[in-house]
Amino acid sequence: LPTGNGYRVDVVAGEAAQTNPDKANFENKSYAGSADFNIVANQITEKVKVVAKISNAITNVSFDETIGQNFNDGYKLTFALADLTKADAPVADDDKLVYSATQTGEGYFIVDNPILENKLYWVFEGTKKDDTPFTAKGVIEATDATDNSLVGTRHTMNFKYVVKDGTLIF
């Protein structure tokens, strides 16, 4: 190799390092890191220390007891890095996370393209105790001041049922 500056080592570990990993899961984190180094003629290059930080977009959802009190069993909250409401482009099951009364806690998304995958989409679906269907949806946009990326970010949501001025606030 030519001597000089400008060499870099990149490390990817965890789920993202697997062949054909699930884009979203509740169990496996991914890590990534880089370090620059130089090559000097006739010298052994020192060990290069790479700090690999979590590279997932992390979601963490909990449901306040008011959700179970006001919705029938079977309510769910779905998260994805793609718009869940586009009928012409449905999101594959292994590309989304579905939270429920029995599935809460942290979920991990592999962000393959930080430029295109810079939003988390969510849809809550349930049936209220009076058998009225209810849907709410939203988008969480990356707000990192340096690169506007979801990589390494954590998004915590606690859903609570509140009626204010006759309107359900979620």
N, C-alpha and C. Protein backbone atom coordinates (compact mmCIF):
# COMPACT_ATOMS: atom_id res chain seq x y z
N LEU A 1 0.83 -1.18 0.00
CA LEU A 1 0.00 0.00 0.00
C LEU A 1 0.87 1.24 0.00
N PRO A 2 0.43 2.28 -0.65
CA PRO A 2 1.20 3.53 -0.62
C PRO A 2 1.20 4.15 0.78
N THR A 3 2.29 4.81 1.13
CA THR A 3 2.35 5.47 2.42
C THR A 3 1.51 6.73 2.39
N GLY A 4 1.12 7.19 3.59
CA GLY A 4 0.40 8.45 3.65
C GLY A 4 -0.84 8.40 4.51
N ASN A 5 -1.57 9.49 4.45
CA ASN A 5 -2.80 9.65 5.22
C ASN A 5 -3.99 9.18 4.39
N GLY A 6 -5.14 9.18 5.04
CA GLY A 6 -6.36 8.94 4.29
C GLY A 6 -6.86 7.52 4.30
N TYR A 7 -6.26 6.65 5.11
CA TYR A 7 -6.78 5.30 5.21
C TYR A 7 -7.85 5.27 6.31
N ARG A 8 -8.81 4.42 6.13
CA ARG A 8 -9.89 4.33 7.12
C ARG A 8 -10.33 2.87 7.23
N VAL A 9 -10.67 2.50 8.45
CA VAL A 9 -11.23 1.19 8.70
C VAL A 9 -12.67 1.40 9.18
N ASP A 10 -13.60 0.64 8.62
CA ASP A 10 -15.01 0.70 9.01
C ASP A 10 -15.39 -0.63 9.63
N VAL A 11 -16.17 -0.57 10.72
CA VAL A 11 -16.61 -1.77 11.41
C VAL A 11 -18.14 -1.77 11.47
N VAL A 12 -18.73 -2.90 11.13
CA VAL A 12 -20.18 -3.10 11.28
C VAL A 12 -20.36 -4.42 12.02
N ALA A 13 -21.16 -4.39 13.08
CA ALA A 13 -21.37 -5.59 13.88
C ALA A 13 -22.85 -5.71 14.24
N GLY A 14 -23.24 -6.90 14.62
CA GLY A 14 -24.63 -7.12 15.02
C GLY A 14 -25.49 -7.53 13.84
N GLU A 15 -26.77 -7.25 13.95
CA GLU A 15 -27.74 -7.66 12.93
C GLU A 15 -27.40 -7.10 11.55
N ALA A 16 -26.93 -5.86 11.48
CA ALA A 16 -26.63 -5.23 10.19
C ALA A 16 -25.50 -5.94 9.46
N ALA A 17 -24.66 -6.68 10.18
CA ALA A 17 -23.54 -7.40 9.56
C ALA A 17 -23.98 -8.74 8.96
N GLN A 18 -25.20 -9.15 9.23
CA GLN A 18 -25.70 -10.43 8.73
C GLN A 18 -26.10 -10.31 7.26
N THR A 19 -26.12 -11.42 6.57
CA THR A 19 -26.62 -11.45 5.21
C THR A 19 -28.14 -11.39 5.26
N ASN A 20 -28.73 -10.47 4.52
CA ASN A 20 -30.19 -10.28 4.47
C ASN A 20 -30.81 -10.15 5.86
N PRO A 21 -30.37 -9.17 6.64
CA PRO A 21 -30.95 -9.01 7.98
C PRO A 21 -32.37 -8.47 7.91
N ASP A 22 -33.16 -8.74 8.95
CA ASP A 22 -34.46 -8.11 9.06
C ASP A 22 -34.22 -6.62 9.29
N LYS A 23 -34.97 -5.80 8.60
CA LYS A 23 -34.83 -4.35 8.72
C LYS A 23 -35.25 -3.87 10.11
N ALA A 24 -36.20 -4.60 10.71
CA ALA A 24 -36.72 -4.22 12.02
C ALA A 24 -36.86 -5.45 12.89
N ASN A 25 -36.50 -5.31 14.17
CA ASN A 25 -36.67 -6.43 15.09
C ASN A 25 -36.66 -5.92 16.53
N PHE A 26 -37.08 -6.77 17.43
CA PHE A 26 -37.15 -6.41 18.84
C PHE A 26 -35.96 -6.93 19.64
N GLU A 27 -35.01 -7.59 19.02
CA GLU A 27 -33.97 -8.27 19.79
C GLU A 27 -32.54 -7.88 19.45
N ASN A 28 -32.24 -7.61 18.19
CA ASN A 28 -30.85 -7.51 17.77
C ASN A 28 -30.44 -6.10 17.38
N LYS A 29 -29.49 -5.57 18.12
CA LYS A 29 -28.94 -4.25 17.83
C LYS A 29 -27.84 -4.38 16.78
N SER A 30 -27.49 -3.24 16.20
CA SER A 30 -26.38 -3.16 15.26
C SER A 30 -25.44 -2.05 15.71
N TYR A 31 -24.20 -2.19 15.34
CA TYR A 31 -23.18 -1.23 15.73
C TYR A 31 -22.33 -0.87 14.52
N ALA A 32 -21.81 0.35 14.50
CA ALA A 32 -20.93 0.77 13.41
C ALA A 32 -19.96 1.81 13.95
N GLY A 33 -18.80 1.84 13.32
CA GLY A 33 -17.80 2.83 13.69
C GLY A 33 -16.71 2.91 12.64
N SER A 34 -15.96 3.97 12.65
CA SER A 34 -14.87 4.19 11.70
C SER A 34 -13.69 4.82 12.42
N ALA A 35 -12.52 4.60 11.89
CA ALA A 35 -11.31 5.26 12.41
C ALA A 35 -10.33 5.47 11.27
N ASP A 36 -9.72 6.63 11.24
CA ASP A 36 -8.71 6.94 10.23
C ASP A 36 -7.34 6.51 10.75
N PHE A 37 -6.45 6.18 9.81
CA PHE A 37 -5.08 5.84 10.21
C PHE A 37 -4.15 6.14 9.05
N ASN A 38 -2.86 6.13 9.34
CA ASN A 38 -1.83 6.44 8.36
C ASN A 38 -0.91 5.25 8.18
N ILE A 39 -0.29 5.18 7.03
CA ILE A 39 0.73 4.17 6.77
C ILE A 39 2.05 4.90 6.55
N VAL A 40 3.07 4.48 7.31
CA VAL A 40 4.40 5.08 7.21
C VAL A 40 5.35 4.01 6.68
N ALA A 41 6.20 4.40 5.74
CA ALA A 41 7.14 3.47 5.12
C ALA A 41 8.04 2.82 6.18
N ASN A 42 8.23 1.53 6.07
CA ASN A 42 9.13 0.74 6.92
C ASN A 42 8.73 0.72 8.39
N GLN A 43 7.45 0.97 8.70
CA GLN A 43 6.97 0.90 10.07
C GLN A 43 5.70 0.06 10.13
N ILE A 44 5.59 -0.64 11.23
CA ILE A 44 4.36 -1.40 11.45
C ILE A 44 3.30 -0.42 11.96
N THR A 45 2.17 -0.43 11.33
CA THR A 45 1.10 0.47 11.74
C THR A 45 0.56 0.02 13.08
N GLU A 46 0.41 0.98 13.99
CA GLU A 46 -0.12 0.69 15.32
C GLU A 46 -1.55 0.17 15.20
N LYS A 47 -1.99 -0.48 16.26
CA LYS A 47 -3.38 -0.93 16.29
C LYS A 47 -4.29 0.26 16.12
N VAL A 48 -5.35 0.05 15.37
CA VAL A 48 -6.32 1.12 15.15
C VAL A 48 -7.53 0.84 16.04
N LYS A 49 -7.83 1.80 16.90
CA LYS A 49 -8.98 1.64 17.80
C LYS A 49 -10.22 2.21 17.12
N VAL A 50 -11.23 1.36 17.02
CA VAL A 50 -12.49 1.77 16.42
C VAL A 50 -13.57 1.69 17.49
N VAL A 51 -14.25 2.79 17.72
CA VAL A 51 -15.37 2.82 18.65
C VAL A 51 -16.64 2.62 17.82
N ALA A 52 -17.29 1.50 18.06
CA ALA A 52 -18.52 1.19 17.33
C ALA A 52 -19.71 1.50 18.22
N LYS A 53 -20.52 2.45 17.78
CA LYS A 53 -21.71 2.85 18.53
C LYS A 53 -22.94 2.23 17.91
N ILE A 54 -24.02 2.21 18.67
CA ILE A 54 -25.26 1.64 18.14
C ILE A 54 -25.66 2.44 16.90
N SER A 55 -26.02 1.73 15.85
CA SER A 55 -26.33 2.38 14.57
C SER A 55 -27.81 2.26 14.20
N ASN A 56 -28.60 1.68 15.06
CA ASN A 56 -30.03 1.56 14.79
C ASN A 56 -30.77 2.85 15.09
N ALA A 57 -31.95 2.97 14.52
CA ALA A 57 -32.95 3.90 15.03
C ALA A 57 -33.75 3.06 16.02
N ILE A 58 -33.89 3.56 17.24
CA ILE A 58 -34.52 2.77 18.30
C ILE A 58 -35.87 3.37 18.65
N THR A 59 -36.87 2.51 18.72
CA THR A 59 -38.19 2.93 19.18
C THR A 59 -38.46 2.24 20.50
N ASN A 60 -39.17 2.93 21.37
CA ASN A 60 -39.55 2.36 22.65
C ASN A 60 -40.97 2.84 22.94
N VAL A 61 -41.89 1.90 23.04
CA VAL A 61 -43.31 2.24 23.17
C VAL A 61 -43.87 1.62 24.44
N SER A 62 -44.70 2.38 25.11
CA SER A 62 -45.48 1.85 26.22
C SER A 62 -46.89 2.42 26.11
N PHE A 63 -47.81 1.67 26.64
CA PHE A 63 -49.21 2.09 26.62
C PHE A 63 -49.66 2.34 28.06
N ASP A 64 -50.14 3.54 28.31
CA ASP A 64 -50.70 3.89 29.61
C ASP A 64 -51.93 3.00 29.84
N GLU A 65 -52.28 2.78 31.09
CA GLU A 65 -53.44 1.92 31.41
C GLU A 65 -54.73 2.45 30.80
N THR A 66 -54.77 3.74 30.48
CA THR A 66 -55.98 4.32 29.87
C THR A 66 -56.24 3.75 28.48
N ILE A 67 -55.22 3.25 27.81
CA ILE A 67 -55.43 2.64 26.48
C ILE A 67 -56.23 1.35 26.64
N GLY A 68 -55.81 0.48 27.52
CA GLY A 68 -56.54 -0.77 27.75
C GLY A 68 -57.93 -0.54 28.31
N GLN A 69 -58.12 0.56 29.05
CA GLN A 69 -59.43 0.86 29.62
C GLN A 69 -60.41 1.39 28.57
N ASN A 70 -59.89 1.98 27.49
CA ASN A 70 -60.75 2.63 26.51
C ASN A 70 -60.77 1.96 25.14
N PHE A 71 -59.88 0.96 24.93
CA PHE A 71 -59.84 0.24 23.66
C PHE A 71 -60.04 -1.25 23.91
N ASN A 72 -60.69 -1.91 22.96
CA ASN A 72 -60.83 -3.36 23.00
C ASN A 72 -59.46 -4.00 22.79
N ASP A 73 -59.34 -5.27 23.18
CA ASP A 73 -58.11 -6.02 22.92
C ASP A 73 -57.83 -6.00 21.42
N GLY A 74 -56.58 -6.05 21.06
CA GLY A 74 -56.20 -6.10 19.66
C GLY A 74 -55.69 -4.79 19.11
N TYR A 75 -55.65 -3.72 19.92
CA TYR A 75 -55.08 -2.47 19.42
C TYR A 75 -53.59 -2.69 19.14
N LYS A 76 -53.07 -1.90 18.20
CA LYS A 76 -51.66 -2.06 17.84
C LYS A 76 -51.09 -0.74 17.33
N LEU A 77 -49.79 -0.64 17.46
CA LEU A 77 -49.04 0.51 16.96
C LEU A 77 -47.94 -0.05 16.07
N THR A 78 -47.92 0.40 14.83
CA THR A 78 -46.93 -0.09 13.86
C THR A 78 -45.96 1.03 13.52
N PHE A 79 -44.67 0.71 13.52
CA PHE A 79 -43.60 1.63 13.15
C PHE A 79 -42.90 1.11 11.91
N ALA A 80 -42.44 2.02 11.05
CA ALA A 80 -41.64 1.65 9.88
C ALA A 80 -40.82 2.85 9.42
N LEU A 81 -39.80 2.58 8.62
CA LEU A 81 -39.00 3.64 8.02
C LEU A 81 -39.59 4.09 6.69
N ALA A 82 -40.71 3.50 6.30
CA ALA A 82 -41.41 3.86 5.07
C ALA A 82 -42.86 4.17 5.43
N ASP A 83 -43.50 4.95 4.59
CA ASP A 83 -44.88 5.37 4.84
C ASP A 83 -45.80 4.15 4.88
N LEU A 84 -46.42 3.96 6.01
CA LEU A 84 -47.30 2.80 6.22
C LEU A 84 -48.67 2.97 5.57
N THR A 85 -49.00 4.16 5.13
CA THR A 85 -50.34 4.42 4.61
C THR A 85 -50.42 4.36 3.09
N LYS A 86 -49.32 4.11 2.41
CA LYS A 86 -49.34 4.02 0.95
C LYS A 86 -49.82 2.64 0.53
N ALA A 87 -51.01 2.58 -0.03
CA ALA A 87 -51.58 1.31 -0.45
C ALA A 87 -50.81 0.71 -1.63
N ASP A 88 -50.23 1.56 -2.47
CA ASP A 88 -49.51 1.06 -3.65
C ASP A 88 -48.09 0.60 -3.34
N ALA A 89 -47.64 0.81 -2.11
CA ALA A 89 -46.29 0.39 -1.72
C ALA A 89 -46.32 -0.14 -0.29
N PRO A 90 -46.93 -1.30 -0.07
CA PRO A 90 -47.03 -1.83 1.30
C PRO A 90 -45.65 -2.16 1.88
N VAL A 91 -45.54 -2.00 3.19
CA VAL A 91 -44.29 -2.27 3.90
C VAL A 91 -44.27 -3.74 4.28
N ALA A 92 -43.18 -4.43 3.94
CA ALA A 92 -43.04 -5.85 4.26
C ALA A 92 -43.02 -6.07 5.77
N ASP A 93 -43.48 -7.22 6.21
CA ASP A 93 -43.55 -7.52 7.64
C ASP A 93 -42.21 -7.40 8.36
N ASP A 94 -41.11 -7.81 7.70
CA ASP A 94 -39.82 -7.75 8.38
C ASP A 94 -39.18 -6.36 8.30
N ASP A 95 -39.91 -5.39 7.74
CA ASP A 95 -39.45 -4.00 7.69
C ASP A 95 -40.20 -3.10 8.66
N LYS A 96 -41.05 -3.69 9.50
CA LYS A 96 -41.82 -2.88 10.45
C LYS A 96 -41.88 -3.58 11.80
N LEU A 97 -42.21 -2.81 12.82
CA LEU A 97 -42.40 -3.35 14.17
C LEU A 97 -43.83 -3.09 14.58
N VAL A 98 -44.45 -4.09 15.18
CA VAL A 98 -45.83 -3.96 15.64
C VAL A 98 -45.84 -4.11 17.16
N TYR A 99 -46.22 -3.02 17.83
CA TYR A 99 -46.35 -3.00 19.28
C TYR A 99 -47.80 -3.28 19.66
N SER A 100 -47.99 -3.92 20.80
CA SER A 100 -49.34 -4.24 21.29
C SER A 100 -49.30 -4.22 22.81
N ALA A 101 -50.43 -4.61 23.42
CA ALA A 101 -50.47 -4.67 24.88
C ALA A 101 -49.43 -5.64 25.42
N THR A 102 -49.10 -6.68 24.65
CA THR A 102 -48.14 -7.68 25.11
C THR A 102 -46.75 -7.50 24.50
N GLN A 103 -46.59 -6.63 23.51
CA GLN A 103 -45.29 -6.39 22.89
C GLN A 103 -44.96 -4.90 23.01
N THR A 104 -44.17 -4.57 24.01
CA THR A 104 -43.71 -3.20 24.21
C THR A 104 -42.20 -3.23 24.36
N GLY A 105 -41.60 -2.12 24.70
CA GLY A 105 -40.16 -2.07 24.90
C GLY A 105 -39.43 -1.60 23.66
N GLU A 106 -38.12 -1.83 23.63
CA GLU A 106 -37.29 -1.33 22.55
C GLU A 106 -37.40 -2.16 21.28
N GLY A 107 -37.39 -1.46 20.16
CA GLY A 107 -37.33 -2.08 18.84
C GLY A 107 -36.21 -1.41 18.06
N TYR A 108 -35.61 -2.15 17.12
CA TYR A 108 -34.42 -1.67 16.43
C TYR A 108 -34.62 -1.69 14.92
N PHE A 109 -34.33 -0.57 14.27
CA PHE A 109 -34.40 -0.46 12.82
C PHE A 109 -33.01 -0.28 12.25
N ILE A 110 -32.69 -1.03 11.22
CA ILE A 110 -31.44 -0.85 10.49
C ILE A 110 -31.68 0.25 9.48
N VAL A 111 -30.90 1.31 9.56
CA VAL A 111 -31.01 2.43 8.63
C VAL A 111 -29.96 2.23 7.55
N ASP A 112 -30.40 1.69 6.41
CA ASP A 112 -29.46 1.42 5.31
C ASP A 112 -29.04 2.69 4.58
N ASN A 113 -29.97 3.59 4.42
CA ASN A 113 -29.70 4.82 3.68
C ASN A 113 -30.16 6.01 4.52
N PRO A 114 -29.25 6.62 5.30
CA PRO A 114 -29.65 7.71 6.19
C PRO A 114 -30.26 8.92 5.49
N ILE A 115 -29.94 9.10 4.22
CA ILE A 115 -30.50 10.24 3.49
C ILE A 115 -31.97 9.98 3.15
N LEU A 116 -32.29 8.79 2.68
CA LEU A 116 -33.67 8.47 2.31
C LEU A 116 -34.51 8.01 3.50
N GLU A 117 -33.88 7.33 4.44
CA GLU A 117 -34.60 6.81 5.61
C GLU A 117 -34.37 7.74 6.80
N ASN A 118 -34.96 8.92 6.72
CA ASN A 118 -34.76 9.92 7.77
C ASN A 118 -36.06 10.24 8.51
N LYS A 119 -37.03 9.34 8.40
CA LYS A 119 -38.31 9.51 9.10
C LYS A 119 -38.78 8.16 9.61
N LEU A 120 -39.43 8.18 10.77
CA LEU A 120 -40.11 7.00 11.30
C LEU A 120 -41.61 7.28 11.20
N TYR A 121 -42.32 6.38 10.56
CA TYR A 121 -43.77 6.51 10.40
C TYR A 121 -44.45 5.59 11.41
N TRP A 122 -45.56 6.06 11.99
CA TRP A 122 -46.30 5.22 12.92
C TRP A 122 -47.79 5.33 12.67
N VAL A 123 -48.47 4.22 12.93
CA VAL A 123 -49.93 4.16 12.82
C VAL A 123 -50.46 3.37 14.01
N PHE A 124 -51.38 3.98 14.77
CA PHE A 124 -52.07 3.29 15.85
C PHE A 124 -53.45 2.92 15.33
N GLU A 125 -53.83 1.66 15.53
CA GLU A 125 -55.14 1.18 15.11
C GLU A 125 -55.78 0.44 16.27
N GLY A 126 -57.05 0.73 16.50
CA GLY A 126 -57.76 0.06 17.57
C GLY A 126 -59.26 0.30 17.44
N THR A 127 -59.98 -0.41 18.26
CA THR A 127 -61.43 -0.23 18.33
C THR A 127 -61.76 0.19 19.75
N LYS A 128 -62.42 1.34 19.87
CA LYS A 128 -62.79 1.84 21.19
C LYS A 128 -63.84 0.92 21.81
N LYS A 129 -64.00 1.03 23.11
CA LYS A 129 -64.93 0.16 23.84
C LYS A 129 -66.37 0.27 23.32
N ASP A 130 -66.71 1.39 22.67
CA ASP A 130 -68.06 1.52 22.08
C ASP A 130 -68.11 0.96 20.66
N ASP A 131 -67.08 0.18 20.27
CA ASP A 131 -66.94 -0.47 18.96
C ASP A 131 -66.72 0.50 17.80
N THR A 132 -66.26 1.70 18.10
CA THR A 132 -65.91 2.66 17.07
C THR A 132 -64.45 2.46 16.67
N PRO A 133 -64.19 2.25 15.38
CA PRO A 133 -62.79 2.12 14.94
C PRO A 133 -62.04 3.45 15.15
N PHE A 134 -60.77 3.35 15.49
CA PHE A 134 -59.96 4.54 15.71
C PHE A 134 -58.59 4.32 15.09
N THR A 135 -58.12 5.34 14.38
CA THR A 135 -56.77 5.32 13.79
C THR A 135 -56.11 6.66 14.02
N ALA A 136 -54.85 6.62 14.39
CA ALA A 136 -54.04 7.83 14.50
C ALA A 136 -52.70 7.53 13.85
N LYS A 137 -52.13 8.52 13.23
CA LYS A 137 -50.84 8.29 12.57
C LYS A 137 -49.95 9.51 12.74
N GLY A 138 -48.67 9.29 12.55
CA GLY A 138 -47.73 10.40 12.68
C GLY A 138 -46.39 10.07 12.06
N VAL A 139 -45.54 11.07 12.03
CA VAL A 139 -44.20 10.94 11.47
C VAL A 139 -43.22 11.57 12.45
N ILE A 140 -42.14 10.87 12.72
CA ILE A 140 -41.06 11.40 13.53
C ILE A 140 -39.90 11.66 12.57
N GLU A 141 -39.52 12.92 12.46
CA GLU A 141 -38.45 13.28 11.54
C GLU A 141 -37.13 13.37 12.27
N ALA A 142 -36.07 13.02 11.57
CA ALA A 142 -34.73 13.14 12.15
C ALA A 142 -34.45 14.60 12.43
N THR A 143 -33.91 14.88 13.59
CA THR A 143 -33.64 16.27 13.97
C THR A 143 -32.19 16.49 14.37
N ASP A 144 -31.33 15.53 14.07
CA ASP A 144 -29.92 15.68 14.41
C ASP A 144 -29.35 16.88 13.65
N ALA A 145 -28.77 17.81 14.37
CA ALA A 145 -28.29 19.04 13.76
C ALA A 145 -27.11 18.82 12.80
N THR A 146 -26.37 17.73 12.96
CA THR A 146 -25.18 17.55 12.13
C THR A 146 -25.47 16.83 10.82
N ASP A 147 -26.26 15.78 10.84
CA ASP A 147 -26.46 15.05 9.60
C ASP A 147 -27.91 14.67 9.32
N ASN A 148 -28.84 15.14 10.14
CA ASN A 148 -30.26 14.89 9.94
C ASN A 148 -30.54 13.40 9.70
N SER A 149 -29.95 12.55 10.52
CA SER A 149 -30.07 11.11 10.37
C SER A 149 -30.74 10.48 11.58
N LEU A 150 -31.38 9.34 11.36
CA LEU A 150 -31.97 8.57 12.45
C LEU A 150 -30.97 7.61 13.09
N VAL A 151 -29.80 7.46 12.48
CA VAL A 151 -28.80 6.51 12.97
C VAL A 151 -28.42 6.86 14.41
N GLY A 152 -28.56 5.88 15.30
CA GLY A 152 -28.18 6.05 16.69
C GLY A 152 -29.16 6.85 17.53
N THR A 153 -30.36 7.09 17.01
CA THR A 153 -31.34 7.89 17.76
C THR A 153 -32.33 6.99 18.49
N ARG A 154 -32.91 7.51 19.56
CA ARG A 154 -33.88 6.78 20.38
C ARG A 154 -35.17 7.60 20.43
N HIS A 155 -36.29 6.94 20.19
CA HIS A 155 -37.60 7.61 20.17
C HIS A 155 -38.54 6.86 21.10
N THR A 156 -38.92 7.52 22.19
CA THR A 156 -39.78 6.91 23.20
C THR A 156 -41.16 7.53 23.12
N MET A 157 -42.18 6.67 23.08
CA MET A 157 -43.56 7.15 23.03
C MET A 157 -44.36 6.42 24.10
N ASN A 158 -45.13 7.18 24.86
CA ASN A 158 -46.05 6.61 25.84
C ASN A 158 -47.45 7.07 25.44
N PHE A 159 -48.27 6.14 25.01
CA PHE A 159 -49.61 6.47 24.53
C PHE A 159 -50.58 6.51 25.70
N LYS A 160 -51.35 7.59 25.73
CA LYS A 160 -52.33 7.79 26.78
C LYS A 160 -53.62 8.30 26.15
N TYR A 161 -54.74 7.82 26.65
CA TYR A 161 -56.06 8.21 26.16
C TYR A 161 -56.54 9.40 26.99
N VAL A 162 -56.74 10.56 26.33
CA VAL A 162 -57.21 11.76 27.00
C VAL A 162 -58.27 12.42 26.12
N VAL A 163 -59.39 12.77 26.70
CA VAL A 163 -60.41 13.52 25.97
C VAL A 163 -60.38 14.95 26.49
N LYS A 164 -60.17 15.89 25.56
CA LYS A 164 -60.12 17.30 25.92
C LYS A 164 -61.06 18.05 24.98
N ASP A 165 -62.00 18.76 25.55
CA ASP A 165 -62.99 19.50 24.77
C ASP A 165 -63.72 18.60 23.77
N GLY A 166 -64.00 17.38 24.17
CA GLY A 166 -64.74 16.45 23.32
C GLY A 166 -63.91 15.76 22.25
N THR A 167 -62.59 16.01 22.22
CA THR A 167 -61.73 15.42 21.20
C THR A 167 -60.72 14.51 21.86
N LEU A 168 -60.52 13.34 21.24
CA LEU A 168 -59.53 12.41 21.74
C LEU A 168 -58.14 12.92 21.40
N ILE A 169 -57.32 13.13 22.41
CA ILE A 169 -55.92 13.54 22.22
C ILE A 169 -55.09 12.31 22.52
N PHE A 170 -54.19 12.05 21.66
CA PHE A 170 -53.39 10.85 21.76
C PHE A 170 -51.96 11.21 21.96
